[in-house]
Amino acid sequence: MADPATELAVAAGPHVFAGIAAVEAAVGQSLGVTPWFTVEQASVDAFASVTRDWQSLHCDPAVAALTPYGGTIAHGYLTVSLLSMFAGQLYRVEGVAHVLNYGIDRLRFPGVVPVGSRIRAHGTLTATTPKPGMVLVGVTYTVEVEGATRPGLVADTLVALVPHPAPPGITPHLTPELETEPEN
């Protein structure tokens, strides 16, 4: 049975923070949970092609079927790369020039993500740290694998919020939807 609080968090969409002060005020709060995402073999193969990591555990279903996992599993770093998608589903910060990936302080893969499984991320806003020209924001993610007892990933991530106006030396980049003029 679904947890009603979780269902509300998914239905509500991303938290929208009206600037850096709103993010700072929300430290310690859950960002909710994302919708389920199915990990497909085609995505694993595409990731293998880009990273040149063709390990049979990820890309050869016949060989992987003989392992304790019973089939192929996603690369751990494929799961990491999905954090960008999950972040966009959990929160958005308005009134800043940029939201930039800054780093990962802690990263673990307690369980595997079998191909064909559904995953979703739970996020918690953990810290803000002012730095020259930016504020670092800590977000802890736990990637749940449907039906598994252990998460596929736990990560303490950092993003940099660059305020308006951008500090000298940083050129603002407009997203495609902002580069076009509104129709009258």
N, C-alpha and C. Protein backbone atom coordinates (compact mmCIF):
# COMPACT_ATOMS: atom_id res chain seq x y z
N MET A 1 0.84 -1.18 0.00
CA MET A 1 0.00 0.00 0.00
C MET A 1 0.89 1.24 0.00
N ALA A 2 0.51 2.23 -0.78
CA ALA A 2 1.30 3.46 -0.91
C ALA A 2 1.19 4.31 0.34
N ASP A 3 2.27 4.98 0.66
CA ASP A 3 2.29 5.93 1.77
C ASP A 3 1.62 7.22 1.30
N PRO A 4 0.52 7.67 1.93
CA PRO A 4 -0.18 8.87 1.47
C PRO A 4 0.72 10.10 1.41
N ALA A 5 1.64 10.24 2.35
CA ALA A 5 2.54 11.41 2.32
C ALA A 5 3.42 11.37 1.08
N THR A 6 3.89 10.18 0.73
CA THR A 6 4.71 10.02 -0.47
C THR A 6 3.90 10.35 -1.71
N GLU A 7 2.68 9.86 -1.78
CA GLU A 7 1.84 10.12 -2.94
C GLU A 7 1.59 11.61 -3.10
N LEU A 8 1.38 12.33 -1.99
CA LEU A 8 1.17 13.78 -2.07
C LEU A 8 2.42 14.47 -2.59
N ALA A 9 3.59 14.02 -2.13
CA ALA A 9 4.84 14.66 -2.58
C ALA A 9 5.02 14.49 -4.08
N VAL A 10 4.68 13.31 -4.61
CA VAL A 10 4.80 13.08 -6.04
C VAL A 10 3.80 13.94 -6.79
N ALA A 11 2.56 13.97 -6.32
CA ALA A 11 1.50 14.70 -7.01
C ALA A 11 1.74 16.20 -6.99
N ALA A 12 2.40 16.70 -5.97
CA ALA A 12 2.60 18.14 -5.83
C ALA A 12 3.61 18.69 -6.82
N GLY A 13 4.44 17.85 -7.41
CA GLY A 13 5.47 18.34 -8.32
C GLY A 13 6.65 18.90 -7.56
N PRO A 14 7.56 19.56 -8.27
CA PRO A 14 8.76 20.05 -7.59
C PRO A 14 8.46 21.18 -6.63
N HIS A 15 9.24 21.21 -5.54
CA HIS A 15 9.19 22.37 -4.64
C HIS A 15 9.78 23.54 -5.41
N VAL A 16 9.13 24.67 -5.37
CA VAL A 16 9.64 25.86 -6.03
C VAL A 16 10.09 26.83 -4.93
N PHE A 17 11.39 27.09 -4.91
CA PHE A 17 11.95 28.02 -3.93
C PHE A 17 12.11 29.38 -4.59
N ALA A 18 11.58 30.40 -3.95
CA ALA A 18 11.64 31.77 -4.48
C ALA A 18 12.93 32.42 -3.99
N GLY A 19 14.05 31.93 -4.48
CA GLY A 19 15.34 32.53 -4.15
C GLY A 19 16.12 31.76 -3.11
N ILE A 20 17.34 32.22 -2.91
CA ILE A 20 18.28 31.55 -2.01
C ILE A 20 17.80 31.56 -0.57
N ALA A 21 17.22 32.67 -0.12
CA ALA A 21 16.75 32.75 1.27
C ALA A 21 15.71 31.67 1.56
N ALA A 22 14.86 31.37 0.60
CA ALA A 22 13.85 30.33 0.78
C ALA A 22 14.49 28.95 0.90
N VAL A 23 15.56 28.73 0.15
CA VAL A 23 16.29 27.46 0.26
C VAL A 23 16.93 27.37 1.64
N GLU A 24 17.57 28.44 2.08
CA GLU A 24 18.23 28.44 3.39
C GLU A 24 17.22 28.17 4.51
N ALA A 25 16.01 28.70 4.38
CA ALA A 25 14.98 28.50 5.41
C ALA A 25 14.44 27.07 5.43
N ALA A 26 14.65 26.32 4.36
CA ALA A 26 14.10 24.97 4.25
C ALA A 26 15.08 23.87 4.63
N VAL A 27 16.27 24.22 5.09
CA VAL A 27 17.26 23.19 5.44
C VAL A 27 16.66 22.23 6.47
N GLY A 28 16.87 20.95 6.21
CA GLY A 28 16.35 19.90 7.08
C GLY A 28 15.03 19.32 6.60
N GLN A 29 14.44 19.92 5.60
CA GLN A 29 13.14 19.46 5.11
C GLN A 29 13.29 18.45 3.98
N SER A 30 12.33 17.54 3.92
CA SER A 30 12.26 16.60 2.81
C SER A 30 11.81 17.34 1.56
N LEU A 31 12.40 16.97 0.43
CA LEU A 31 11.96 17.48 -0.86
C LEU A 31 10.92 16.57 -1.49
N GLY A 32 10.65 15.45 -0.83
CA GLY A 32 9.65 14.51 -1.33
C GLY A 32 10.28 13.37 -2.09
N VAL A 33 9.50 12.81 -2.98
CA VAL A 33 9.92 11.63 -3.74
C VAL A 33 9.51 11.83 -5.20
N THR A 34 10.33 11.33 -6.10
CA THR A 34 10.05 11.47 -7.53
C THR A 34 9.07 10.40 -7.99
N PRO A 35 8.55 10.56 -9.19
CA PRO A 35 7.79 9.46 -9.80
C PRO A 35 8.73 8.28 -10.09
N TRP A 36 8.15 7.12 -10.29
CA TRP A 36 8.94 5.95 -10.65
C TRP A 36 9.53 6.12 -12.04
N PHE A 37 10.72 5.57 -12.23
CA PHE A 37 11.42 5.58 -13.51
C PHE A 37 11.89 4.16 -13.79
N THR A 38 11.59 3.63 -14.96
CA THR A 38 12.01 2.27 -15.33
C THR A 38 13.37 2.31 -16.01
N VAL A 39 14.29 1.51 -15.49
CA VAL A 39 15.64 1.40 -16.06
C VAL A 39 15.60 0.33 -17.15
N GLU A 40 15.85 0.73 -18.38
CA GLU A 40 15.75 -0.18 -19.52
C GLU A 40 17.14 -0.56 -20.04
N GLN A 41 17.21 -1.75 -20.66
CA GLN A 41 18.49 -2.22 -21.21
C GLN A 41 19.04 -1.25 -22.25
N ALA A 42 18.18 -0.64 -23.04
CA ALA A 42 18.64 0.32 -24.05
C ALA A 42 19.38 1.50 -23.40
N SER A 43 18.90 1.95 -22.26
CA SER A 43 19.59 3.04 -21.55
C SER A 43 20.93 2.58 -21.01
N VAL A 44 20.97 1.37 -20.48
CA VAL A 44 22.23 0.81 -19.96
C VAL A 44 23.23 0.67 -21.10
N ASP A 45 22.78 0.17 -22.25
CA ASP A 45 23.67 0.01 -23.40
C ASP A 45 24.17 1.36 -23.92
N ALA A 46 23.29 2.36 -23.94
CA ALA A 46 23.70 3.70 -24.39
C ALA A 46 24.73 4.28 -23.43
N PHE A 47 24.53 4.08 -22.13
CA PHE A 47 25.50 4.56 -21.14
C PHE A 47 26.83 3.84 -21.33
N ALA A 48 26.78 2.53 -21.58
CA ALA A 48 28.00 1.76 -21.83
C ALA A 48 28.73 2.29 -23.06
N SER A 49 28.00 2.65 -24.08
CA SER A 49 28.60 3.16 -25.30
C SER A 49 29.33 4.48 -25.05
N VAL A 50 28.72 5.35 -24.27
CA VAL A 50 29.33 6.65 -23.98
C VAL A 50 30.55 6.50 -23.08
N THR A 51 30.45 5.63 -22.08
CA THR A 51 31.53 5.50 -21.09
C THR A 51 32.55 4.42 -21.44
N ARG A 52 32.25 3.62 -22.45
CA ARG A 52 33.11 2.50 -22.88
C ARG A 52 33.24 1.43 -21.79
N ASP A 53 32.20 1.32 -20.95
CA ASP A 53 32.16 0.31 -19.90
C ASP A 53 31.16 -0.77 -20.32
N TRP A 54 31.68 -1.76 -21.06
CA TRP A 54 30.84 -2.82 -21.61
C TRP A 54 30.88 -4.08 -20.76
N GLN A 55 31.09 -3.96 -19.48
CA GLN A 55 31.16 -5.13 -18.61
C GLN A 55 29.91 -6.00 -18.81
N SER A 56 30.11 -7.31 -18.89
CA SER A 56 29.01 -8.23 -19.20
C SER A 56 27.89 -8.17 -18.17
N LEU A 57 28.19 -7.83 -16.95
CA LEU A 57 27.16 -7.72 -15.91
C LEU A 57 26.12 -6.67 -16.28
N HIS A 58 26.53 -5.69 -17.09
CA HIS A 58 25.62 -4.63 -17.51
C HIS A 58 25.04 -4.87 -18.90
N CYS A 59 25.81 -5.49 -19.78
CA CYS A 59 25.45 -5.47 -21.21
C CYS A 59 25.25 -6.83 -21.87
N ASP A 60 25.50 -7.91 -21.18
CA ASP A 60 25.33 -9.24 -21.78
C ASP A 60 24.31 -10.04 -20.96
N PRO A 61 23.04 -9.99 -21.35
CA PRO A 61 22.00 -10.67 -20.57
C PRO A 61 22.26 -12.16 -20.36
N ALA A 62 22.85 -12.84 -21.34
CA ALA A 62 23.10 -14.28 -21.19
C ALA A 62 24.13 -14.54 -20.09
N VAL A 63 25.21 -13.78 -20.07
CA VAL A 63 26.23 -13.94 -19.03
C VAL A 63 25.69 -13.48 -17.69
N ALA A 64 25.01 -12.34 -17.68
CA ALA A 64 24.49 -11.79 -16.43
C ALA A 64 23.44 -12.69 -15.80
N ALA A 65 22.73 -13.47 -16.61
CA ALA A 65 21.73 -14.40 -16.08
C ALA A 65 22.35 -15.46 -15.18
N LEU A 66 23.65 -15.73 -15.36
CA LEU A 66 24.35 -16.74 -14.57
C LEU A 66 24.89 -16.19 -13.26
N THR A 67 24.76 -14.89 -13.04
CA THR A 67 25.26 -14.27 -11.81
C THR A 67 24.19 -14.33 -10.72
N PRO A 68 24.57 -14.04 -9.49
CA PRO A 68 23.57 -14.01 -8.41
C PRO A 68 22.44 -13.00 -8.65
N TYR A 69 22.66 -12.04 -9.55
CA TYR A 69 21.63 -11.03 -9.82
C TYR A 69 20.57 -11.54 -10.78
N GLY A 70 20.87 -12.60 -11.52
CA GLY A 70 19.90 -13.21 -12.42
C GLY A 70 19.65 -12.45 -13.71
N GLY A 71 20.40 -11.40 -13.93
CA GLY A 71 20.24 -10.60 -15.15
C GLY A 71 21.12 -9.38 -15.08
N THR A 72 21.02 -8.56 -16.10
CA THR A 72 21.86 -7.36 -16.16
C THR A 72 21.42 -6.35 -15.11
N ILE A 73 22.40 -5.55 -14.68
CA ILE A 73 22.15 -4.47 -13.73
C ILE A 73 22.70 -3.17 -14.31
N ALA A 74 22.12 -2.07 -13.86
CA ALA A 74 22.58 -0.76 -14.32
C ALA A 74 23.95 -0.45 -13.73
N HIS A 75 24.74 0.29 -14.48
CA HIS A 75 25.99 0.83 -13.95
C HIS A 75 25.66 1.72 -12.75
N GLY A 76 26.48 1.68 -11.73
CA GLY A 76 26.27 2.60 -10.61
C GLY A 76 26.28 4.05 -11.05
N TYR A 77 27.19 4.38 -11.97
CA TYR A 77 27.29 5.77 -12.40
C TYR A 77 26.16 6.18 -13.34
N LEU A 78 25.47 5.22 -13.94
CA LEU A 78 24.24 5.56 -14.65
C LEU A 78 23.21 6.05 -13.65
N THR A 79 23.10 5.36 -12.53
CA THR A 79 22.17 5.78 -11.48
C THR A 79 22.55 7.16 -10.97
N VAL A 80 23.85 7.42 -10.79
CA VAL A 80 24.30 8.76 -10.38
C VAL A 80 23.85 9.80 -11.39
N SER A 81 24.02 9.50 -12.67
CA SER A 81 23.68 10.48 -13.70
C SER A 81 22.19 10.81 -13.71
N LEU A 82 21.36 9.91 -13.23
CA LEU A 82 19.92 10.17 -13.17
C LEU A 82 19.56 11.17 -12.07
N LEU A 83 20.50 11.47 -11.17
CA LEU A 83 20.21 12.44 -10.11
C LEU A 83 19.84 13.80 -10.67
N SER A 84 20.40 14.18 -11.81
CA SER A 84 20.02 15.46 -12.42
C SER A 84 18.54 15.48 -12.78
N MET A 85 18.06 14.39 -13.36
CA MET A 85 16.63 14.29 -13.69
C MET A 85 15.79 14.33 -12.41
N PHE A 86 16.21 13.53 -11.42
CA PHE A 86 15.46 13.47 -10.18
C PHE A 86 15.43 14.83 -9.48
N ALA A 87 16.55 15.55 -9.50
CA ALA A 87 16.60 16.87 -8.87
C ALA A 87 15.55 17.79 -9.48
N GLY A 88 15.45 17.78 -10.81
CA GLY A 88 14.46 18.62 -11.48
C GLY A 88 13.03 18.25 -11.14
N GLN A 89 12.82 17.00 -10.79
CA GLN A 89 11.48 16.56 -10.39
C GLN A 89 11.17 16.93 -8.94
N LEU A 90 12.23 17.16 -8.14
CA LEU A 90 12.03 17.45 -6.72
C LEU A 90 12.03 18.93 -6.37
N TYR A 91 12.86 19.73 -7.04
CA TYR A 91 12.91 21.14 -6.67
C TYR A 91 13.38 22.02 -7.82
N ARG A 92 13.06 23.30 -7.68
CA ARG A 92 13.50 24.33 -8.61
C ARG A 92 13.74 25.59 -7.80
N VAL A 93 14.81 26.31 -8.13
CA VAL A 93 15.13 27.56 -7.44
C VAL A 93 14.97 28.70 -8.43
N GLU A 94 14.08 29.62 -8.11
CA GLU A 94 13.86 30.79 -8.96
C GLU A 94 14.70 31.95 -8.45
N GLY A 95 14.95 32.91 -9.33
CA GLY A 95 15.64 34.13 -8.93
C GLY A 95 17.13 33.99 -8.78
N VAL A 96 17.72 32.98 -9.43
CA VAL A 96 19.18 32.82 -9.43
C VAL A 96 19.66 32.77 -10.87
N ALA A 97 20.92 33.13 -11.07
CA ALA A 97 21.50 33.09 -12.42
C ALA A 97 21.75 31.66 -12.87
N HIS A 98 22.23 30.82 -11.94
CA HIS A 98 22.59 29.44 -12.29
C HIS A 98 22.36 28.52 -11.10
N VAL A 99 22.05 27.27 -11.41
CA VAL A 99 22.09 26.16 -10.45
C VAL A 99 23.06 25.16 -11.07
N LEU A 100 24.23 25.00 -10.45
CA LEU A 100 25.31 24.20 -11.04
C LEU A 100 25.64 22.99 -10.17
N ASN A 101 25.89 21.84 -10.80
CA ASN A 101 26.42 20.71 -10.04
C ASN A 101 27.78 21.11 -9.51
N TYR A 102 28.01 20.89 -8.22
CA TYR A 102 29.27 21.28 -7.59
C TYR A 102 30.08 20.06 -7.16
N GLY A 103 29.39 18.99 -6.75
CA GLY A 103 30.13 17.80 -6.35
C GLY A 103 29.30 16.84 -5.54
N ILE A 104 29.95 15.76 -5.14
CA ILE A 104 29.34 14.74 -4.30
C ILE A 104 30.29 14.50 -3.14
N ASP A 105 29.80 14.70 -1.93
CA ASP A 105 30.63 14.48 -0.75
C ASP A 105 30.67 13.01 -0.34
N ARG A 106 29.59 12.30 -0.54
CA ARG A 106 29.51 10.90 -0.14
C ARG A 106 28.64 10.18 -1.16
N LEU A 107 29.12 9.03 -1.62
CA LEU A 107 28.38 8.26 -2.61
C LEU A 107 28.54 6.78 -2.31
N ARG A 108 27.42 6.08 -2.20
CA ARG A 108 27.45 4.64 -1.94
C ARG A 108 26.41 3.95 -2.81
N PHE A 109 26.67 2.68 -3.14
CA PHE A 109 25.75 1.84 -3.88
C PHE A 109 25.42 0.62 -3.02
N PRO A 110 24.53 0.76 -2.03
CA PRO A 110 24.24 -0.35 -1.11
C PRO A 110 23.60 -1.56 -1.78
N GLY A 111 22.86 -1.33 -2.85
CA GLY A 111 22.20 -2.41 -3.57
C GLY A 111 22.37 -2.21 -5.06
N VAL A 112 21.87 -3.15 -5.84
CA VAL A 112 21.97 -3.04 -7.30
C VAL A 112 20.64 -2.55 -7.87
N VAL A 113 20.72 -2.08 -9.11
CA VAL A 113 19.53 -1.65 -9.85
C VAL A 113 19.38 -2.60 -11.04
N PRO A 114 18.56 -3.64 -10.90
CA PRO A 114 18.39 -4.57 -12.02
C PRO A 114 17.73 -3.89 -13.22
N VAL A 115 18.16 -4.26 -14.41
CA VAL A 115 17.52 -3.75 -15.62
C VAL A 115 16.06 -4.21 -15.60
N GLY A 116 15.18 -3.29 -15.94
CA GLY A 116 13.75 -3.55 -15.90
C GLY A 116 13.09 -3.13 -14.61
N SER A 117 13.89 -2.79 -13.60
CA SER A 117 13.32 -2.37 -12.33
C SER A 117 12.89 -0.90 -12.38
N ARG A 118 12.04 -0.55 -11.44
CA ARG A 118 11.62 0.84 -11.30
C ARG A 118 12.34 1.44 -10.10
N ILE A 119 12.81 2.67 -10.30
CA ILE A 119 13.51 3.38 -9.23
C ILE A 119 12.88 4.75 -9.05
N ARG A 120 13.07 5.31 -7.87
CA ARG A 120 12.66 6.68 -7.60
C ARG A 120 13.58 7.23 -6.52
N ALA A 121 13.67 8.55 -6.48
CA ALA A 121 14.58 9.20 -5.54
C ALA A 121 13.81 9.93 -4.46
N HIS A 122 14.32 9.81 -3.25
CA HIS A 122 13.86 10.60 -2.12
C HIS A 122 14.95 11.64 -1.88
N GLY A 123 14.57 12.89 -1.66
CA GLY A 123 15.55 13.94 -1.45
C GLY A 123 15.31 14.71 -0.16
N THR A 124 16.39 15.11 0.48
CA THR A 124 16.33 15.94 1.68
C THR A 124 17.33 17.07 1.55
N LEU A 125 16.87 18.28 1.81
CA LEU A 125 17.73 19.46 1.80
C LEU A 125 18.49 19.48 3.12
N THR A 126 19.82 19.34 3.06
CA THR A 126 20.59 19.12 4.29
C THR A 126 21.41 20.30 4.78
N ALA A 127 21.81 21.21 3.89
CA ALA A 127 22.69 22.30 4.34
C ALA A 127 22.78 23.39 3.29
N THR A 128 23.14 24.57 3.74
CA THR A 128 23.54 25.65 2.84
C THR A 128 24.82 26.25 3.40
N THR A 129 25.75 26.57 2.51
CA THR A 129 27.03 27.14 2.91
C THR A 129 27.37 28.30 1.98
N PRO A 130 27.41 29.53 2.51
CA PRO A 130 27.79 30.66 1.66
C PRO A 130 29.26 30.57 1.25
N LYS A 131 29.52 30.83 -0.01
CA LYS A 131 30.87 30.91 -0.56
C LYS A 131 30.94 32.17 -1.40
N PRO A 132 32.14 32.67 -1.71
CA PRO A 132 32.22 33.87 -2.56
C PRO A 132 31.50 33.66 -3.90
N GLY A 133 30.50 34.48 -4.17
CA GLY A 133 29.78 34.44 -5.44
C GLY A 133 28.76 33.33 -5.58
N MET A 134 28.50 32.56 -4.51
CA MET A 134 27.55 31.45 -4.60
C MET A 134 27.15 30.97 -3.22
N VAL A 135 26.14 30.14 -3.19
CA VAL A 135 25.75 29.42 -1.98
C VAL A 135 25.71 27.95 -2.34
N LEU A 136 26.44 27.13 -1.58
CA LEU A 136 26.41 25.68 -1.80
C LEU A 136 25.22 25.10 -1.06
N VAL A 137 24.50 24.21 -1.73
CA VAL A 137 23.32 23.58 -1.15
C VAL A 137 23.55 22.08 -1.12
N GLY A 138 23.40 21.49 0.05
CA GLY A 138 23.53 20.05 0.20
C GLY A 138 22.18 19.37 0.07
N VAL A 139 22.12 18.34 -0.75
CA VAL A 139 20.92 17.53 -0.90
C VAL A 139 21.34 16.07 -0.80
N THR A 140 20.69 15.33 0.10
CA THR A 140 20.92 13.90 0.20
C THR A 140 19.84 13.17 -0.58
N TYR A 141 20.28 12.27 -1.45
CA TYR A 141 19.36 11.46 -2.24
C TYR A 141 19.49 10.00 -1.82
N THR A 142 18.36 9.34 -1.74
CA THR A 142 18.31 7.89 -1.60
C THR A 142 17.49 7.38 -2.78
N VAL A 143 18.09 6.53 -3.61
CA VAL A 143 17.39 5.99 -4.77
C VAL A 143 16.84 4.62 -4.39
N GLU A 144 15.53 4.56 -4.30
CA GLU A 144 14.80 3.35 -3.94
C GLU A 144 14.62 2.48 -5.18
N VAL A 145 14.81 1.18 -5.01
CA VAL A 145 14.54 0.20 -6.07
C VAL A 145 13.28 -0.54 -5.66
N GLU A 146 12.26 -0.46 -6.49
CA GLU A 146 10.97 -1.07 -6.14
C GLU A 146 11.15 -2.54 -5.78
N GLY A 147 10.65 -2.92 -4.61
CA GLY A 147 10.70 -4.31 -4.16
C GLY A 147 12.00 -4.73 -3.50
N ALA A 148 13.01 -3.86 -3.50
CA ALA A 148 14.31 -4.21 -2.91
C ALA A 148 14.38 -3.72 -1.46
N THR A 149 15.19 -4.41 -0.67
CA THR A 149 15.35 -4.00 0.72
C THR A 149 16.43 -2.95 0.90
N ARG A 150 17.34 -2.85 -0.07
CA ARG A 150 18.43 -1.88 0.01
C ARG A 150 18.32 -0.87 -1.13
N PRO A 151 18.65 0.38 -0.86
CA PRO A 151 18.61 1.37 -1.94
C PRO A 151 19.71 1.10 -2.96
N GLY A 152 19.48 1.55 -4.18
CA GLY A 152 20.48 1.42 -5.23
C GLY A 152 21.57 2.46 -5.11
N LEU A 153 21.28 3.56 -4.43
CA LEU A 153 22.25 4.65 -4.31
C LEU A 153 21.87 5.52 -3.12
N VAL A 154 22.89 5.98 -2.42
CA VAL A 154 22.75 7.03 -1.40
C VAL A 154 23.86 8.03 -1.68
N ALA A 155 23.50 9.30 -1.83
CA ALA A 155 24.50 10.32 -2.17
C ALA A 155 24.22 11.63 -1.46
N ASP A 156 25.29 12.22 -0.95
CA ASP A 156 25.24 13.58 -0.41
C ASP A 156 25.83 14.49 -1.48
N THR A 157 24.97 15.24 -2.14
CA THR A 157 25.40 16.06 -3.27
C THR A 157 25.46 17.53 -2.91
N LEU A 158 26.16 18.28 -3.74
CA LEU A 158 26.24 19.73 -3.59
C LEU A 158 25.91 20.39 -4.92
N VAL A 159 25.07 21.41 -4.86
CA VAL A 159 24.84 22.27 -6.01
C VAL A 159 25.21 23.69 -5.60
N ALA A 160 25.65 24.47 -6.56
CA ALA A 160 25.99 25.87 -6.32
C ALA A 160 24.88 26.74 -6.89
N LEU A 161 24.33 27.59 -6.05
CA LEU A 161 23.37 28.59 -6.49
C LEU A 161 24.13 29.88 -6.72
N VAL A 162 24.12 30.37 -7.95
CA VAL A 162 24.81 31.61 -8.31
C VAL A 162 23.73 32.69 -8.40
N PRO A 163 23.82 33.71 -7.54
CA PRO A 163 22.76 34.73 -7.51
C PRO A 163 22.82 35.66 -8.71
N HIS A 164 21.72 36.38 -8.93
CA HIS A 164 21.68 37.48 -9.91
C HIS A 164 22.25 38.70 -9.23
N PRO A 165 22.99 39.57 -9.82
CA PRO A 165 23.63 39.29 -11.09
C PRO A 165 24.77 38.31 -10.89
N ALA A 166 25.12 37.61 -11.94
CA ALA A 166 26.21 36.65 -11.86
C ALA A 166 27.51 37.38 -11.53
N PRO A 167 28.37 36.77 -10.71
CA PRO A 167 29.66 37.40 -10.39
C PRO A 167 30.49 37.62 -11.65
N PRO A 168 31.43 38.57 -11.61
CA PRO A 168 32.30 38.81 -12.76
C PRO A 168 32.98 37.52 -13.21
N GLY A 169 33.06 37.34 -14.52
CA GLY A 169 33.70 36.15 -15.07
C GLY A 169 32.75 35.01 -15.33
N ILE A 170 31.50 35.11 -14.86
CA ILE A 170 30.51 34.07 -15.13
C ILE A 170 29.50 34.63 -16.10
N THR A 171 29.37 33.99 -17.25
CA THR A 171 28.43 34.44 -18.27
C THR A 171 27.11 33.71 -18.11
N PRO A 172 26.03 34.43 -17.85
CA PRO A 172 24.74 33.74 -17.73
C PRO A 172 24.38 33.03 -19.02
N HIS A 173 23.78 31.86 -18.91
CA HIS A 173 23.33 31.09 -20.06
C HIS A 173 21.82 31.00 -19.99
N LEU A 174 21.16 31.46 -21.03
CA LEU A 174 19.70 31.39 -21.07
C LEU A 174 19.26 30.03 -21.54
N THR A 175 18.21 29.51 -20.91
CA THR A 175 17.64 28.26 -21.38
C THR A 175 16.89 28.53 -22.67
N PRO A 176 16.69 27.52 -23.52
CA PRO A 176 16.04 27.75 -24.81
C PRO A 176 14.70 28.46 -24.70
N GLU A 177 13.89 28.14 -23.69
CA GLU A 177 12.59 28.78 -23.59
C GLU A 177 12.70 30.26 -23.23
N LEU A 178 13.83 30.70 -22.69
CA LEU A 178 14.02 32.11 -22.36
C LEU A 178 14.66 32.89 -23.50
N GLU A 179 15.22 32.18 -24.48
CA GLU A 179 15.90 32.86 -25.58
C GLU A 179 14.93 33.38 -26.63
N THR A 180 13.70 32.94 -26.61
CA THR A 180 12.73 33.39 -27.60
C THR A 180 11.85 34.47 -27.01
N GLU A 181 11.40 35.35 -27.86
CA GLU A 181 10.50 36.43 -27.43
C GLU A 181 9.09 35.88 -27.27
N PRO A 182 8.36 36.33 -26.25
CA PRO A 182 6.98 35.87 -26.11
C PRO A 182 6.12 36.40 -27.25
N GLU A 183 5.14 35.61 -27.64
CA GLU A 183 4.22 36.03 -28.70
C GLU A 183 3.19 36.99 -28.13
N ASN A 184 2.83 38.01 -28.91
CA ASN A 184 1.81 38.98 -28.46
C ASN A 184 0.44 38.56 -28.91
